Amino acid sequence: MYAQQLKAVSIVQGGHSLYIGGQAGVGKSYLVQQIFEDARRRHKSVQLTCTTGIACSNYPQVLFLFSDIKAFNNHRYVKYV
């Protein structure tokens, strides 16, 4: 992993929330998969949320590997005033 990806994993390991963004091909899906694998090894829970339903559909490999995890878009958690 690249230094920035290792830093992101470290942030999550510290119990913090993290936004992962960037252009296509920069390793977002790979990083998410690594975070989930690390959490599983450490017996920790991770929840994946996405800004859109389309974005959630980009993570079928993570959801397949960890069938007990569901991805939700952020709209589910936002209350409109």
C-alpha atoms as a PDB file:
ATOM      1  CA  MET A   1       0.000   0.000   0.000  1.00  0.00           C
ATOM      2  CA  TYR A   2       1.003   3.594  -0.538  1.00  0.00           C
ATOM      3  CA  ALA A   3       1.873   5.831   2.432  1.00  0.00           C
ATOM      4  CA  GLN A   4      -1.447   7.709   2.206  1.00  0.00           C
ATOM      5  CA  GLN A   5      -3.382   4.427   2.190  1.00  0.00           C
ATOM      6  CA  LEU A   6      -1.456   3.194   5.244  1.00  0.00           C
ATOM      7  CA  LYS A   7      -2.267   6.470   6.998  1.00  0.00           C
ATOM      8  CA  ALA A   8      -5.972   5.976   6.204  1.00  0.00           C
ATOM      9  CA  VAL A   9      -5.890   2.445   7.650  1.00  0.00           C
ATOM     10  CA  SER A  10      -4.180   3.810  10.755  1.00  0.00           C
ATOM     11  CA  ILE A  11      -6.903   6.454  11.183  1.00  0.00           C
ATOM     12  CA  VAL A  12      -9.612   3.792  11.031  1.00  0.00           C
ATOM     13  CA  GLN A  13      -7.667   1.558  13.423  1.00  0.00           C
ATOM     14  CA  GLY A  14      -7.742   4.471  15.852  1.00  0.00           C
ATOM     15  CA  GLY A  15     -11.537   4.321  15.865  1.00  0.00           C
ATOM     16  CA  HIS A  16     -12.110   7.388  13.700  1.00  0.00           C
ATOM     17  CA  SER A  17     -14.477   7.868  10.772  1.00  0.00           C
ATOM     18  CA  LEU A  18     -12.917   8.469   7.397  1.00  0.00           C
ATOM     19  CA  TYR A  19     -14.011   9.825   4.024  1.00  0.00           C
ATOM     20  CA  ILE A  20     -12.302   8.124   1.086  1.00  0.00           C
ATOM     21  CA  GLY A  21     -12.551  10.021  -2.184  1.00  0.00           C
ATOM     22  CA  GLY A  22     -10.621  10.515  -5.371  1.00  0.00           C
ATOM     23  CA  GLN A  23     -10.571   9.981  -9.099  1.00  0.00           C
ATOM     24  CA  ALA A  24     -11.077   6.638 -10.791  1.00  0.00           C
ATOM     25  CA  GLY A  25      -8.144   4.277 -10.497  1.00  0.00           C
ATOM     26  CA  VAL A  26      -6.510   5.727  -7.378  1.00  0.00           C
ATOM     27  CA  GLY A  27      -7.204   2.671  -5.220  1.00  0.00           C
ATOM     28  CA  LYS A  28     -10.372   3.563  -3.279  1.00  0.00           C
ATOM     29  CA  SER A  29     -11.950   0.104  -3.614  1.00  0.00           C
ATOM     30  CA  TYR A  30      -8.661  -1.581  -2.751  1.00  0.00           C
ATOM     31  CA  LEU A  31      -8.293   0.616   0.340  1.00  0.00           C
ATOM     32  CA  VAL A  32     -11.846  -0.130   1.496  1.00  0.00           C
ATOM     33  CA  GLN A  33     -11.195  -3.845   1.082  1.00  0.00           C
ATOM     34  CA  GLN A  34      -7.964  -3.570   3.101  1.00  0.00           C
ATOM     35  CA  ILE A  35      -9.756  -1.672   5.877  1.00  0.00           C
ATOM     36  CA  PHE A  36     -12.452  -4.357   6.074  1.00  0.00           C
ATOM     37  CA  GLU A  37      -9.877  -7.162   6.103  1.00  0.00           C
ATOM     38  CA  ASP A  38      -7.908  -5.445   8.876  1.00  0.00           C
ATOM     39  CA  ALA A  39     -11.073  -4.865  10.919  1.00  0.00           C
ATOM     40  CA  ARG A  40     -12.093  -8.495  10.537  1.00  0.00           C
ATOM     41  CA  ARG A  41      -8.679  -9.699  11.731  1.00  0.00           C
ATOM     42  CA  ARG A  42      -8.907  -7.407  14.746  1.00  0.00           C
ATOM     43  CA  HIS A  43     -12.543  -8.428  15.492  1.00  0.00           C
ATOM     44  CA  LYS A  44     -13.739  -4.871  14.909  1.00  0.00           C
ATOM     45  CA  SER A  45     -16.886  -3.614  13.243  1.00  0.00           C
ATOM     46  CA  VAL A  46     -16.853  -1.279  10.233  1.00  0.00           C
ATOM     47  CA  GLN A  47     -19.853   0.295   8.486  1.00  0.00           C
ATOM     48  CA  LEU A  48     -19.558   1.373   4.864  1.00  0.00           C
ATOM     49  CA  THR A  49     -21.655   4.347   3.778  1.00  0.00           C
ATOM     50  CA  CYS A  50     -21.644   5.992   0.369  1.00  0.00           C
ATOM     51  CA  THR A  51     -22.768   9.351  -0.928  1.00  0.00           C
ATOM     52  CA  THR A  52     -25.013   7.712  -3.553  1.00  0.00           C
ATOM     53  CA  GLY A  53     -26.525   4.327  -4.335  1.00  0.00           C
ATOM     54  CA  ILE A  54     -24.342   4.176  -7.432  1.00  0.00           C
ATOM     55  CA  ALA A  55     -21.250   4.603  -5.267  1.00  0.00           C
ATOM     56  CA  CYS A  56     -22.411   1.751  -3.000  1.00  0.00           C
ATOM     57  CA  SER A  57     -22.726  -0.517  -6.024  1.00  0.00           C
ATOM     58  CA  ASN A  58     -18.992  -0.033  -6.663  1.00  0.00           C
ATOM     59  CA  TYR A  59     -18.166  -2.254  -3.688  1.00  0.00           C
ATOM     60  CA  PRO A  60     -19.646  -5.677  -4.527  1.00  0.00           C
ATOM     61  CA  GLN A  61     -16.300  -7.397  -3.880  1.00  0.00           C
ATOM     62  CA  VAL A  62     -16.221  -6.045  -0.309  1.00  0.00           C
ATOM     63  CA  LEU A  63     -19.852  -6.953   0.274  1.00  0.00           C
ATOM     64  CA  PHE A  64     -19.300 -10.420  -1.199  1.00  0.00           C
ATOM     65  CA  LEU A  65     -16.242 -11.115   0.955  1.00  0.00           C
ATOM     66  CA  PHE A  66     -18.008  -9.905   4.082  1.00  0.00           C
ATOM     67  CA  SER A  67     -21.605 -11.003   3.557  1.00  0.00           C
ATOM     68  CA  ASP A  68     -22.700  -9.719   6.975  1.00  0.00           C
ATOM     69  CA  ILE A  69     -21.845  -6.136   5.951  1.00  0.00           C
ATOM     70  CA  LYS A  70     -24.243  -3.937   4.011  1.00  0.00           C
ATOM     71  CA  ALA A  71     -23.428  -0.650   2.290  1.00  0.00           C
ATOM     72  CA  PHE A  72     -25.869   2.223   2.712  1.00  0.00           C
ATOM     73  CA  ASN A  73     -25.985   5.591   1.058  1.00  0.00           C
ATOM     74  CA  ASN A  74     -25.789   8.597   3.352  1.00  0.00           C
ATOM     75  CA  HIS A  75     -29.328   9.705   2.546  1.00  0.00           C
ATOM     76  CA  ARG A  76     -30.628   6.999   4.841  1.00  0.00           C
ATOM     77  CA  TYR A  77     -29.057   8.799   7.798  1.00  0.00           C
ATOM     78  CA  VAL A  78     -29.905  12.401   6.874  1.00  0.00           C
ATOM     79  CA  LYS A  79     -33.053  14.094   8.156  1.00  0.00           C
ATOM     80  CA  TYR A  80     -34.327  16.924   6.017  1.00  0.00           C
ATOM     81  CA  VAL A  81     -35.372  20.067   7.882  1.00  0.00           C
END
